[in-house]
Protein backbone atom coordinates (compact mmCIF):
# COMPACT_ATOMS: atom_id res chain seq x y z
CA MET A 1 142.47 66.45 -146.91
CA ALA A 2 145.53 68.67 -146.52
CA GLN A 3 147.72 68.04 -143.52
CA PRO A 4 147.89 70.82 -140.89
CA ARG A 5 150.93 73.05 -141.36
CA LEU A 6 153.15 74.45 -138.65
CA VAL A 7 153.67 78.21 -138.65
CA GLU A 8 156.79 78.63 -136.55
CA VAL A 9 156.83 82.43 -136.43
CA SER A 10 153.88 84.78 -136.66
CA LEU A 11 153.20 88.25 -135.29
CA SER A 12 149.55 88.98 -134.58
CA LEU A 13 148.48 92.30 -136.07
CA LYS A 14 144.74 92.31 -135.53
CA ALA A 15 141.98 90.25 -133.91
CA SER A 16 138.22 90.62 -134.15
CA ALA A 17 135.13 88.73 -133.06
CA LEU A 18 133.74 86.13 -135.44
CA GLY A 19 130.32 84.75 -134.56
CA GLU A 20 129.58 84.07 -130.90
CA ARG A 21 132.68 82.15 -129.88
CA ASP A 22 135.34 82.39 -132.57
CA ARG A 23 137.96 84.98 -133.40
CA LEU A 24 139.37 86.18 -136.73
CA LEU A 25 143.12 86.62 -136.37
CA THR A 26 145.34 88.50 -138.82
CA VAL A 27 149.04 87.66 -138.58
CA ILE A 28 152.20 88.22 -140.58
CA THR A 29 154.69 85.43 -141.19
CA PRO A 30 158.10 85.45 -142.92
CA GLU A 31 156.99 82.90 -145.53
CA GLU A 32 153.39 83.90 -146.33
CA GLY A 33 153.17 87.57 -145.49
CA VAL A 34 149.81 88.66 -144.10
CA ILE A 35 147.28 85.86 -143.58
CA ARG A 36 143.88 85.68 -141.89
CA LEU A 37 142.95 82.74 -139.71
CA VAL A 38 139.88 81.52 -137.87
CA VAL A 39 140.51 80.63 -134.24
CA PRO A 40 137.53 78.48 -133.22
CA GLY A 41 136.29 78.89 -129.66
CA ALA A 42 138.94 81.49 -128.78
CA ARG A 43 136.38 83.70 -127.03
CA ARG A 44 135.06 80.98 -124.76
CA PRO A 45 136.16 81.19 -121.10
CA GLY A 46 139.10 78.89 -120.50
CA SER A 47 139.73 78.20 -124.19
CA ARG A 48 143.15 76.76 -124.96
CA LEU A 49 143.24 79.13 -127.94
CA ALA A 50 142.50 82.27 -125.92
CA GLY A 51 146.03 83.51 -126.59
CA ALA A 52 144.97 84.55 -130.10
CA ALA A 53 145.22 88.28 -129.38
CA PRO A 54 146.91 91.25 -131.09
CA LEU A 55 150.53 92.34 -130.53
CA ARG A 56 151.92 88.90 -129.76
CA GLU A 57 154.35 86.46 -131.27
CA LEU A 58 152.66 83.10 -131.85
CA ARG A 59 153.51 79.60 -133.00
CA LEU A 60 150.53 78.08 -134.78
CA LEU A 61 149.27 74.81 -136.17
CA VAL A 62 146.92 75.63 -139.03
CA ALA A 63 144.49 73.42 -140.93
CA GLY A 64 143.26 74.36 -144.39
CA GLY A 65 144.85 75.51 -147.61
CA PRO A 66 145.73 78.96 -148.96
CA SER A 67 142.51 79.22 -151.01
CA SER A 68 140.35 79.44 -147.88
CA LEU A 69 140.59 80.77 -144.36
CA GLY A 70 142.87 78.54 -142.34
CA ARG A 71 141.76 77.30 -138.94
CA VAL A 72 144.08 77.40 -135.96
CA THR A 73 144.03 74.06 -134.18
CA GLN A 74 146.93 74.64 -131.77
CA LEU A 75 148.56 77.78 -130.49
CA GLU A 76 151.65 78.67 -128.46
CA VAL A 77 152.30 82.21 -127.23
CA ARG A 78 156.02 82.80 -127.66
CA GLN A 79 156.10 86.44 -126.57
CA THR A 80 153.36 88.70 -125.19
CA PHE A 81 155.13 92.09 -125.28
CA ALA A 82 153.38 92.72 -121.97
CA GLY A 83 155.24 95.99 -121.40
CA LEU A 84 153.26 97.65 -124.19
CA GLY A 85 150.31 97.95 -121.84
CA ARG A 86 152.20 100.02 -119.27
CA CYS A 87 151.19 103.27 -120.96
CA LEU A 88 148.91 104.35 -123.78
CA GLU A 89 151.75 105.89 -125.79
CA SER A 90 153.64 102.60 -126.12
CA LEU A 91 150.46 100.76 -127.03
CA ALA A 92 149.53 103.37 -129.65
CA ALA A 93 153.03 103.22 -131.15
CA ALA A 94 152.92 99.41 -131.37
CA GLN A 95 149.48 99.54 -132.99
CA LEU A 96 150.72 102.18 -135.44
CA LEU A 97 153.49 99.81 -136.60
CA ALA A 98 151.02 96.92 -136.84
CA GLU A 99 148.57 98.96 -138.93
CA LEU A 100 151.34 100.22 -141.20
CA THR A 101 152.48 96.64 -141.74
CA LEU A 102 148.96 95.68 -142.82
CA LEU A 103 148.98 98.52 -145.34
CA LEU A 104 152.37 97.63 -146.79
CA VAL A 105 152.41 93.83 -146.97
CA GLN A 106 150.14 91.85 -149.28
CA GLN A 107 148.66 88.45 -148.56
CA GLY A 108 150.92 85.68 -149.78
CA ASP A 109 154.00 87.88 -150.24
CA PRO A 110 156.99 86.62 -148.21
CA ALA A 111 158.01 89.24 -145.65
CA PRO A 112 161.00 88.07 -143.60
CA THR A 113 162.53 91.55 -143.32
CA THR A 114 159.26 93.16 -142.28
CA VAL A 115 158.65 90.51 -139.62
CA ALA A 116 162.15 91.02 -138.20
CA LEU A 117 161.75 94.82 -138.16
CA LEU A 118 158.31 94.72 -136.56
CA ARG A 119 159.49 92.35 -133.83
CA LEU A 120 162.55 94.52 -133.18
CA HIS A 121 160.57 97.71 -132.68
CA TRP A 122 157.85 96.01 -130.63
CA GLN A 123 160.61 94.71 -128.37
CA ARG A 124 162.06 98.20 -128.01
CA LEU A 125 158.68 99.61 -127.02
CA ASP A 126 158.09 96.66 -124.70
CA GLN A 127 161.37 97.32 -122.85
CA LEU A 128 160.80 101.03 -122.21
CA VAL A 129 160.66 101.80 -118.51
CA PRO A 130 158.00 104.38 -117.53
CA GLU A 131 159.82 107.56 -116.51
CA ALA A 132 160.06 111.21 -117.44
CA GLN A 133 161.63 110.66 -120.89
CA VAL A 134 159.66 107.59 -122.00
CA LEU A 135 157.30 109.64 -124.17
CA ARG A 136 160.20 110.99 -126.23
CA GLU A 137 161.67 107.48 -126.59
CA THR A 138 158.28 106.09 -127.60
CA VAL A 139 157.72 108.66 -130.34
CA ALA A 140 161.29 108.12 -131.56
CA VAL A 141 160.77 104.35 -131.85
CA ALA A 142 157.48 104.96 -133.67
CA VAL A 143 159.19 107.32 -136.14
CA GLN A 144 162.18 105.05 -136.78
CA GLY A 145 160.06 101.90 -136.92
CA SER A 146 157.72 103.50 -139.45
CA MET A 147 160.66 104.59 -141.58
CA HIS A 148 162.16 101.09 -141.51
CA LEU A 149 158.84 99.48 -142.45
CA LEU A 150 158.31 101.98 -145.28
CA THR A 151 161.78 101.18 -146.59
CA SER A 152 161.06 97.45 -146.42
CA GLY A 153 157.82 98.06 -148.30
CA GLY A 154 159.52 100.00 -151.09
CA LEU A 155 158.34 103.45 -149.96
CA ALA A 156 161.46 104.78 -148.28
CA LEU A 157 161.83 108.46 -147.49
CA PRO A 158 164.49 109.79 -149.92
CA THR A 159 166.54 111.52 -147.22
CA GLY A 160 169.85 111.22 -149.04
CA TRP A 161 169.34 113.48 -152.05
CA CYS A 162 167.66 116.63 -153.30
CA CYS A 163 164.60 115.97 -155.45
CA SER A 164 165.32 119.05 -157.55
CA ASP A 165 168.84 118.43 -158.86
CA HIS A 166 169.41 114.89 -157.48
CA SER A 167 172.55 116.00 -155.64
CA SER A 168 173.50 114.57 -152.26
CA LEU A 169 171.67 116.09 -149.32
CA VAL A 170 174.36 116.98 -146.78
CA PRO A 171 172.96 119.22 -144.01
CA PRO A 172 175.60 121.68 -142.72
CA LEU A 173 175.36 121.17 -138.97
CA GLY A 174 175.95 124.42 -137.12
CA ASN A 175 174.50 126.57 -139.90
CA ARG A 176 171.32 127.89 -138.32
CA ASP A 177 170.18 129.64 -141.49
CA TRP A 178 170.20 126.52 -143.71
CA ARG A 179 166.80 125.08 -144.58
CA CYS A 180 165.43 122.15 -146.56
CA SER A 181 161.91 122.03 -148.03
CA PHE A 182 159.78 118.89 -147.84
CA PHE A 183 157.28 117.96 -150.55
CA PRO A 184 155.23 114.82 -149.73
CA ALA A 185 155.02 113.75 -153.37
CA GLN A 186 158.73 114.14 -154.23
CA GLY A 187 160.82 114.34 -151.07
CA PHE A 188 163.37 116.93 -149.95
CA CYS A 189 164.66 119.99 -151.76
CA LYS A 190 167.49 122.25 -150.63
CA GLY A 191 166.55 125.78 -149.62
CA ARG A 192 163.30 127.53 -148.84
CA GLN A 193 161.02 126.54 -151.70
CA PRO A 194 157.49 127.92 -152.23
CA GLY A 195 154.66 125.48 -151.66
CA ALA A 196 156.62 123.21 -149.32
CA ALA A 197 154.57 121.24 -146.80
CA MET A 198 157.29 121.55 -144.16
CA MET A 199 160.60 123.35 -143.68
CA LEU A 200 163.40 121.52 -141.86
CA ASN A 201 166.66 122.79 -140.42
CA ALA A 202 170.03 121.05 -140.73
CA SER A 203 169.76 119.20 -137.41
CA GLU A 204 166.33 117.80 -138.27
CA VAL A 205 167.48 116.51 -141.67
CA ALA A 206 170.59 114.97 -140.11
CA LEU A 207 168.43 113.25 -137.50
CA LEU A 208 166.16 111.84 -140.21
CA GLN A 209 169.17 110.48 -142.07
CA ARG A 210 170.48 108.78 -138.93
CA LEU A 211 167.16 106.96 -138.53
CA GLN A 212 167.94 104.81 -141.55
CA HIS A 213 170.49 102.99 -139.37
CA PRO A 214 169.44 100.10 -137.08
CA ASP A 215 169.85 101.95 -133.77
CA LEU A 216 168.30 105.16 -132.52
CA PRO A 217 170.72 108.12 -132.57
CA ARG A 218 172.20 108.72 -129.13
CA ARG A 219 174.84 110.98 -127.69
CA ARG A 220 178.18 109.31 -127.14
CA ALA A 221 178.77 111.01 -123.81
CA ASP A 222 175.73 109.78 -121.88
CA GLY A 223 173.73 107.60 -124.29
CA ASP A 224 170.79 110.01 -124.18
CA LEU A 225 168.49 110.10 -127.19
CA MET A 226 169.24 112.89 -129.64
CA GLY A 227 166.56 115.47 -130.31
CA PRO A 228 163.92 116.99 -127.99
CA LEU A 229 160.32 115.81 -128.01
CA PRO A 230 159.03 118.68 -130.26
CA VAL A 231 161.48 117.62 -132.98
CA TRP A 232 160.29 114.01 -132.82
CA GLN A 233 156.71 115.28 -133.03
CA ARG A 234 157.63 117.19 -136.19
CA LEU A 235 159.19 114.09 -137.71
CA LEU A 236 156.02 112.15 -136.89
CA GLN A 237 154.04 114.86 -138.68
CA LEU A 238 156.37 114.57 -141.68
CA LEU A 239 155.72 110.82 -141.83
CA ARG A 240 151.99 111.50 -141.75
CA LEU A 241 152.38 113.68 -144.85
CA TRP A 242 154.54 111.08 -146.61
CA MET A 243 152.17 108.20 -145.85
CA GLY A 244 149.19 110.30 -146.87
CA GLN A 245 150.76 110.64 -150.31
CA HIS A 246 152.27 107.17 -150.83
CA VAL A 247 150.24 104.70 -148.73
CA GLN A 248 146.63 103.92 -149.52
CA ARG A 249 145.52 105.30 -146.16
CA GLN A 250 147.04 106.45 -142.90
CA PRO A 251 147.10 104.22 -139.82
CA ARG A 252 144.39 105.28 -137.37
CA SER A 253 146.76 104.91 -134.43
CA LEU A 254 148.99 107.62 -135.88
CA GLY A 255 146.50 110.34 -134.96
CA PHE A 256 146.02 108.85 -131.49
CA LEU A 257 149.77 108.82 -130.85
CA GLU A 258 150.04 112.42 -132.05
CA GLN A 259 147.33 113.45 -129.59
CA LEU A 260 149.04 111.65 -126.72
CA ALA A 261 152.43 113.13 -127.58
CA GLY A 262 150.91 116.60 -127.89
CA ALA A 263 149.37 116.31 -124.44
CA GLN A 264 152.85 115.42 -123.06
CA ARG A 265 151.25 113.27 -120.37
CA PRO A 266 153.82 111.11 -118.55
CA CYS A 267 153.15 107.37 -118.30
């Protein structure tokens, strides 16, 4: 019989009921990618494995080999990301990133970069303090986090060049007449092109390009996030179009987050 293995780092992406007392837990680990595990008795009151819930960082002891569903025998909750529950927008954004991860990472494929990115953006959402601007920050983290995960999964938005002539895409900031066309199948094309799914101005393209960096774009003077909420909503819509073309299906939480952002309801 195989010895139980220790999974030092895992992020829980999904949990569902299994039978009357057990739970089926889907996690992502740096070494094994996405794996599914049975957590026996996790739904019983007072179970020592009750911490097997979504949107958490866990340390697990797992029995069973890779050819069958592993069984969690011990569990330690390393981080709960409790702040995600402070408002629906943050929770929807975190679930969007979890669902996108499930769509991008295959079982058994090592995913150290994806795990690090997902943890980073969950932490950013977790640390948001409910106030007037939190909705804009939440949508911005969702947009940047999705872009980072898509890049890690080999489906990066080609924001750096024109898909028509393959020249560098350098938006002329301050030129209000300049436009760039977006085609979900190919990417970005300079100018107003017929049949484009979206038309972006120079500031919007520049903002998209900045999102490839680790940090959110902020003003130097006061540290405020660049871009108003309607712009971030447009970028979220652009990601919907890109994922609809290049990912097998769109995360369900994406539509929910769009509805919440459109309602502009403060946390």
